[in-house]
Amino acid sequence: MAYLTESVVEEAALAWLESVGWQIAHGPDIAPDMPAAERADYSEVWLSQLLRDALAWLNPALPAEALYDAFRKLTRTEDADLIQRNRMRERVFKDKPGGLVVDYQGLAHELKAALAIYTESGGTGCPAFDKDKAVAVMLEKYEVCCGLFHGFDRS
């Protein structure tokens, strides 16, 4: 029986990410004082430019001030120590699979109303997507995950 180690999982994840278009970088190559450095020194907790770029890529319709607001909410320290900052971020993201909520477009009220209607219907409202298509995508992603662990006992 093959055993799963952290390095095996890491290598599989990196190979999969690279196969779907991500760029993979070796840690020492992006360390401070290297030509491809991602931060000036190790005291910089955030890879600020990468975070800004990712926010812009994920939210192409948002104006610069809304992107800045999201960046600020993600990175603010508010005079807290490291443990307090980690706890604050855990509270911000807990039970929010969609990420940090920044209600730039003022949709929160409409979303709450729609949720209330769905809840009142006992959860029998129509979904906004085709169930068969969603199941097909889920099965496709399941197959990708199975491929990552080919040869390992998944029982």
Foldseek 3Di string as FASTA:
>chain_A
DDDDDPVLLVVLVVVVCVVVPDDDDDVVCQAAPHPNHQDPHPVPPDSLVVQLVVLCVVCVPDDPVLSVVVSCVLDPDPPDDPVVNVVVVCVQCPPPPVDGDDCPVVCPVVVVVVVVVCVVVVNPDDDPDDPVVVVVVVVVVVVVVCVSVPPDDPD
